[in-house]
Amino acid sequence: MNEKEYMKNARGGYDPISMIKPIDLARDSLVKEIVEKSQEMSRQIAALKKGFFDDIAAFDAIDEYLRSFGEVTDRLTAACNLSFKLREAVNYYTELDMLQSEQAEMAQ
């Protein structure tokens, strides 16, 4: 059966496209478009949700790490050291991204 000549109906059967009203074809097209956009949005929301949970887990890990130090001064020292390490990592990856984008531009 050629799918271009037939369209599945609500009961699971197939109707010839030539027998379907133009408004019904337009409605079907609209619904398919809405479903496609909704599925894409659902994927984006799932990725966003995962990112939130990853951020919260990182925050909890840092909090737990800092609480492992008994003295307040030790916690502050550890927090400063962690801050410097994070800045170094961010700078490193920023420079790496810039280098890769420059190389990609040069390759084109």
N, C-alpha and C. Protein backbone atom coordinates (compact mmCIF):
# COMPACT_ATOMS: atom_id res chain seq x y z
N MET A 1 0.84 -1.17 0.00
CA MET A 1 0.00 0.00 0.00
C MET A 1 0.89 1.24 0.00
N ASN A 2 0.61 2.15 -0.87
CA ASN A 2 1.38 3.38 -0.99
C ASN A 2 0.86 4.39 0.04
N GLU A 3 1.74 4.81 0.97
CA GLU A 3 1.32 5.73 2.02
C GLU A 3 0.98 7.11 1.48
N LYS A 4 1.46 7.43 0.29
CA LYS A 4 1.16 8.75 -0.29
C LYS A 4 -0.26 8.79 -0.85
N GLU A 5 -0.82 7.65 -1.12
CA GLU A 5 -2.16 7.60 -1.69
C GLU A 5 -3.24 7.35 -0.64
N TYR A 6 -2.84 6.86 0.55
CA TYR A 6 -3.79 6.53 1.60
C TYR A 6 -3.37 7.21 2.91
N MET A 7 -4.37 7.42 3.75
CA MET A 7 -4.12 8.04 5.04
C MET A 7 -4.86 7.24 6.10
N LYS A 8 -4.18 7.01 7.22
CA LYS A 8 -4.77 6.23 8.30
C LYS A 8 -5.89 7.04 8.96
N ASN A 9 -7.02 6.39 9.19
CA ASN A 9 -8.14 7.08 9.83
C ASN A 9 -8.16 6.78 11.32
N ALA A 10 -9.12 7.36 12.04
CA ALA A 10 -9.21 7.23 13.49
C ALA A 10 -9.47 5.80 13.95
N ARG A 11 -10.06 4.99 13.11
CA ARG A 11 -10.36 3.60 13.47
C ARG A 11 -9.21 2.66 13.16
N GLY A 12 -8.14 3.18 12.58
CA GLY A 12 -6.99 2.36 12.25
C GLY A 12 -6.98 1.86 10.82
N GLY A 13 -8.05 2.14 10.09
CA GLY A 13 -8.10 1.75 8.69
C GLY A 13 -7.44 2.80 7.80
N TYR A 14 -7.48 2.56 6.51
CA TYR A 14 -6.87 3.50 5.56
C TYR A 14 -7.91 3.99 4.58
N ASP A 15 -7.89 5.30 4.33
CA ASP A 15 -8.80 5.93 3.38
C ASP A 15 -7.98 6.52 2.24
N PRO A 16 -8.49 6.46 1.02
CA PRO A 16 -7.77 7.11 -0.09
C PRO A 16 -7.73 8.62 0.14
N ILE A 17 -6.58 9.23 -0.08
CA ILE A 17 -6.43 10.67 0.14
C ILE A 17 -7.38 11.45 -0.76
N SER A 18 -7.66 10.91 -1.93
CA SER A 18 -8.56 11.62 -2.85
C SER A 18 -9.99 11.74 -2.29
N MET A 19 -10.32 10.91 -1.31
CA MET A 19 -11.66 10.92 -0.71
C MET A 19 -11.73 11.78 0.55
N ILE A 20 -10.61 12.32 0.99
CA ILE A 20 -10.58 13.10 2.23
C ILE A 20 -10.75 14.57 1.91
N LYS A 21 -11.58 15.25 2.68
CA LYS A 21 -11.85 16.67 2.46
C LYS A 21 -10.57 17.48 2.70
N PRO A 22 -10.38 18.55 1.94
CA PRO A 22 -9.20 19.40 2.13
C PRO A 22 -9.06 19.95 3.55
N ILE A 23 -10.19 20.28 4.19
CA ILE A 23 -10.13 20.80 5.55
C ILE A 23 -9.60 19.75 6.51
N ASP A 24 -9.97 18.48 6.26
CA ASP A 24 -9.47 17.39 7.12
C ASP A 24 -7.98 17.15 6.91
N LEU A 25 -7.52 17.30 5.67
CA LEU A 25 -6.08 17.18 5.40
C LEU A 25 -5.32 18.31 6.08
N ALA A 26 -5.88 19.52 6.03
CA ALA A 26 -5.25 20.67 6.67
C ALA A 26 -5.23 20.48 8.19
N ARG A 27 -6.32 19.98 8.74
CA ARG A 27 -6.40 19.72 10.18
C ARG A 27 -5.36 18.68 10.59
N ASP A 28 -5.25 17.63 9.81
CA ASP A 28 -4.27 16.57 10.09
C ASP A 28 -2.85 17.14 10.05
N SER A 29 -2.57 17.95 9.08
CA SER A 29 -1.25 18.57 8.95
C SER A 29 -0.96 19.46 10.16
N LEU A 30 -1.96 20.24 10.57
CA LEU A 30 -1.79 21.12 11.72
C LEU A 30 -1.52 20.32 12.99
N VAL A 31 -2.28 19.27 13.20
CA VAL A 31 -2.10 18.44 14.40
C VAL A 31 -0.71 17.81 14.40
N LYS A 32 -0.26 17.30 13.26
CA LYS A 32 1.07 16.70 13.19
C LYS A 32 2.15 17.74 13.51
N GLU A 33 1.97 18.95 13.01
CA GLU A 33 2.93 20.03 13.28
C GLU A 33 2.95 20.37 14.77
N ILE A 34 1.77 20.46 15.38
CA ILE A 34 1.68 20.77 16.81
C ILE A 34 2.33 19.66 17.64
N VAL A 35 2.07 18.41 17.29
CA VAL A 35 2.66 17.29 18.01
C VAL A 35 4.18 17.31 17.88
N GLU A 36 4.68 17.58 16.69
CA GLU A 36 6.13 17.64 16.47
C GLU A 36 6.77 18.74 17.32
N LYS A 37 6.15 19.92 17.32
CA LYS A 37 6.68 21.02 18.14
C LYS A 37 6.61 20.69 19.62
N SER A 38 5.54 20.04 20.04
CA SER A 38 5.38 19.66 21.44
C SER A 38 6.43 18.65 21.87
N GLN A 39 6.72 17.69 21.00
CA GLN A 39 7.74 16.70 21.32
C GLN A 39 9.12 17.35 21.43
N GLU A 40 9.41 18.29 20.55
CA GLU A 40 10.69 19.01 20.62
C GLU A 40 10.77 19.81 21.92
N MET A 41 9.67 20.47 22.27
CA MET A 41 9.64 21.25 23.51
C MET A 41 9.81 20.33 24.71
N SER A 42 9.21 19.16 24.65
CA SER A 42 9.34 18.19 25.73
C SER A 42 10.79 17.75 25.90
N ARG A 43 11.49 17.54 24.78
CA ARG A 43 12.91 17.18 24.85
C ARG A 43 13.73 18.32 25.46
N GLN A 44 13.40 19.55 25.09
CA GLN A 44 14.13 20.70 25.64
C GLN A 44 13.87 20.85 27.14
N ILE A 45 12.64 20.64 27.56
CA ILE A 45 12.30 20.73 28.98
C ILE A 45 13.02 19.64 29.76
N ALA A 46 13.08 18.43 29.20
CA ALA A 46 13.80 17.34 29.87
C ALA A 46 15.28 17.67 30.02
N ALA A 47 15.88 18.27 28.99
CA ALA A 47 17.29 18.66 29.07
C ALA A 47 17.48 19.76 30.10
N LEU A 48 16.56 20.71 30.14
CA LEU A 48 16.63 21.80 31.12
C LEU A 48 16.50 21.25 32.54
N LYS A 49 15.56 20.34 32.72
CA LYS A 49 15.35 19.72 34.03
C LYS A 49 16.60 18.96 34.48
N LYS A 50 17.21 18.23 33.56
CA LYS A 50 18.44 17.50 33.88
C LYS A 50 19.54 18.48 34.29
N GLY A 51 19.62 19.60 33.57
CA GLY A 51 20.61 20.62 33.91
C GLY A 51 20.38 21.19 35.30
N PHE A 52 19.11 21.43 35.66
CA PHE A 52 18.80 21.92 37.00
C PHE A 52 19.23 20.93 38.07
N PHE A 53 18.92 19.66 37.86
CA PHE A 53 19.28 18.66 38.84
C PHE A 53 20.80 18.50 38.94
N ASP A 54 21.50 18.62 37.82
CA ASP A 54 22.96 18.57 37.85
C ASP A 54 23.52 19.75 38.63
N ASP A 55 22.94 20.94 38.43
CA ASP A 55 23.38 22.13 39.16
C ASP A 55 23.15 21.97 40.66
N ILE A 56 21.98 21.45 41.02
CA ILE A 56 21.66 21.24 42.44
C ILE A 56 22.60 20.21 43.05
N ALA A 57 22.90 19.15 42.31
CA ALA A 57 23.82 18.12 42.81
C ALA A 57 25.22 18.70 43.01
N ALA A 58 25.66 19.55 42.09
CA ALA A 58 26.97 20.19 42.23
C ALA A 58 26.98 21.11 43.45
N PHE A 59 25.91 21.86 43.63
CA PHE A 59 25.81 22.74 44.79
C PHE A 59 25.88 21.93 46.08
N ASP A 60 25.12 20.83 46.13
CA ASP A 60 25.12 19.97 47.33
C ASP A 60 26.50 19.38 47.59
N ALA A 61 27.20 18.99 46.52
CA ALA A 61 28.54 18.42 46.68
C ALA A 61 29.51 19.46 47.23
N ILE A 62 29.41 20.68 46.73
CA ILE A 62 30.29 21.75 47.23
C ILE A 62 29.95 22.05 48.69
N ASP A 63 28.67 22.11 49.00
CA ASP A 63 28.24 22.37 50.38
C ASP A 63 28.76 21.28 51.32
N GLU A 64 28.62 20.04 50.90
CA GLU A 64 29.09 18.92 51.72
C GLU A 64 30.61 18.98 51.90
N TYR A 65 31.32 19.31 50.82
CA TYR A 65 32.78 19.44 50.89
C TYR A 65 33.18 20.52 51.88
N LEU A 66 32.54 21.67 51.80
CA LEU A 66 32.90 22.78 52.70
C LEU A 66 32.52 22.47 54.14
N ARG A 67 31.44 21.75 54.35
CA ARG A 67 31.04 21.39 55.71
C ARG A 67 31.97 20.34 56.33
N SER A 68 32.77 19.69 55.48
CA SER A 68 33.70 18.68 56.02
C SER A 68 34.84 19.33 56.81
N PHE A 69 35.02 20.65 56.66
CA PHE A 69 36.03 21.36 57.43
C PHE A 69 35.40 21.82 58.73
N GLY A 70 36.07 21.55 59.83
CA GLY A 70 35.52 21.86 61.15
C GLY A 70 35.51 23.34 61.46
N GLU A 71 36.60 23.99 61.23
CA GLU A 71 36.73 25.40 61.59
C GLU A 71 36.20 26.31 60.47
N VAL A 72 35.66 27.43 60.87
CA VAL A 72 35.13 28.40 59.91
C VAL A 72 36.26 28.92 59.02
N THR A 73 37.41 29.18 59.60
CA THR A 73 38.54 29.70 58.80
C THR A 73 38.98 28.67 57.76
N ASP A 74 38.94 27.41 58.12
CA ASP A 74 39.28 26.36 57.16
C ASP A 74 38.27 26.30 56.01
N ARG A 75 37.00 26.50 56.36
CA ARG A 75 35.96 26.52 55.34
C ARG A 75 36.16 27.68 54.38
N LEU A 76 36.48 28.84 54.92
CA LEU A 76 36.71 30.02 54.09
C LEU A 76 37.91 29.82 53.18
N THR A 77 38.97 29.25 53.71
CA THR A 77 40.16 28.97 52.90
C THR A 77 39.81 27.99 51.78
N ALA A 78 39.09 26.94 52.12
CA ALA A 78 38.69 25.95 51.11
C ALA A 78 37.79 26.59 50.05
N ALA A 79 36.88 27.46 50.48
CA ALA A 79 35.99 28.13 49.54
C ALA A 79 36.77 29.02 48.58
N CYS A 80 37.77 29.75 49.11
CA CYS A 80 38.60 30.61 48.25
C CYS A 80 39.40 29.77 47.26
N ASN A 81 39.98 28.68 47.75
CA ASN A 81 40.75 27.79 46.86
C ASN A 81 39.86 27.21 45.78
N LEU A 82 38.67 26.80 46.16
CA LEU A 82 37.71 26.24 45.20
C LEU A 82 37.31 27.29 44.18
N SER A 83 37.12 28.51 44.63
CA SER A 83 36.76 29.60 43.72
C SER A 83 37.85 29.83 42.68
N PHE A 84 39.11 29.83 43.12
CA PHE A 84 40.21 30.02 42.19
C PHE A 84 40.29 28.87 41.18
N LYS A 85 40.09 27.65 41.66
CA LYS A 85 40.14 26.49 40.76
C LYS A 85 39.01 26.55 39.73
N LEU A 86 37.84 26.97 40.17
CA LEU A 86 36.71 27.09 39.24
C LEU A 86 36.99 28.16 38.19
N ARG A 87 37.55 29.28 38.61
CA ARG A 87 37.88 30.34 37.64
C ARG A 87 38.90 29.84 36.63
N GLU A 88 39.90 29.11 37.10
CA GLU A 88 40.90 28.57 36.18
C GLU A 88 40.25 27.62 35.18
N ALA A 89 39.36 26.78 35.66
CA ALA A 89 38.68 25.83 34.76
C ALA A 89 37.81 26.56 33.74
N VAL A 90 37.08 27.56 34.19
CA VAL A 90 36.24 28.32 33.27
C VAL A 90 37.09 29.03 32.23
N ASN A 91 38.17 29.65 32.66
CA ASN A 91 39.07 30.32 31.72
C ASN A 91 39.67 29.34 30.71
N TYR A 92 40.06 28.17 31.20
CA TYR A 92 40.66 27.16 30.32
C TYR A 92 39.67 26.74 29.24
N TYR A 93 38.44 26.42 29.65
CA TYR A 93 37.45 25.95 28.68
C TYR A 93 36.98 27.07 27.76
N THR A 94 36.97 28.30 28.27
CA THR A 94 36.62 29.44 27.41
C THR A 94 37.67 29.62 26.32
N GLU A 95 38.93 29.56 26.72
CA GLU A 95 40.01 29.68 25.74
C GLU A 95 39.99 28.52 24.75
N LEU A 96 39.71 27.33 25.25
CA LEU A 96 39.64 26.16 24.38
C LEU A 96 38.51 26.31 23.36
N ASP A 97 37.35 26.77 23.80
CA ASP A 97 36.23 27.00 22.88
C ASP A 97 36.58 28.04 21.83
N MET A 98 37.23 29.12 22.26
CA MET A 98 37.62 30.17 21.31
C MET A 98 38.61 29.63 20.29
N LEU A 99 39.57 28.83 20.75
CA LEU A 99 40.57 28.26 19.86
C LEU A 99 39.90 27.33 18.85
N GLN A 100 38.98 26.49 19.31
CA GLN A 100 38.29 25.57 18.42
C GLN A 100 37.43 26.31 17.40
N SER A 101 36.78 27.38 17.81
CA SER A 101 35.96 28.13 16.85
C SER A 101 36.84 28.84 15.83
N GLU A 102 38.01 29.34 16.26
CA GLU A 102 38.94 29.95 15.32
C GLU A 102 39.45 28.93 14.30
N GLN A 103 39.75 27.73 14.79
CA GLN A 103 40.24 26.67 13.90
C GLN A 103 39.14 26.26 12.92
N ALA A 104 37.89 26.23 13.38
CA ALA A 104 36.79 25.87 12.50
C ALA A 104 36.59 26.93 11.43
N GLU A 105 36.74 28.20 11.81
CA GLU A 105 36.62 29.28 10.83
C GLU A 105 37.73 29.22 9.79
N MET A 106 38.93 28.89 10.24
CA MET A 106 40.06 28.82 9.33
C MET A 106 39.91 27.63 8.37
N ALA A 107 39.27 26.57 8.84
CA ALA A 107 39.09 25.37 8.01
C ALA A 107 38.07 25.62 6.89
N GLN A 108 37.20 26.60 7.10
CA GLN A 108 36.16 26.86 6.09
C GLN A 108 36.67 27.72 5.02
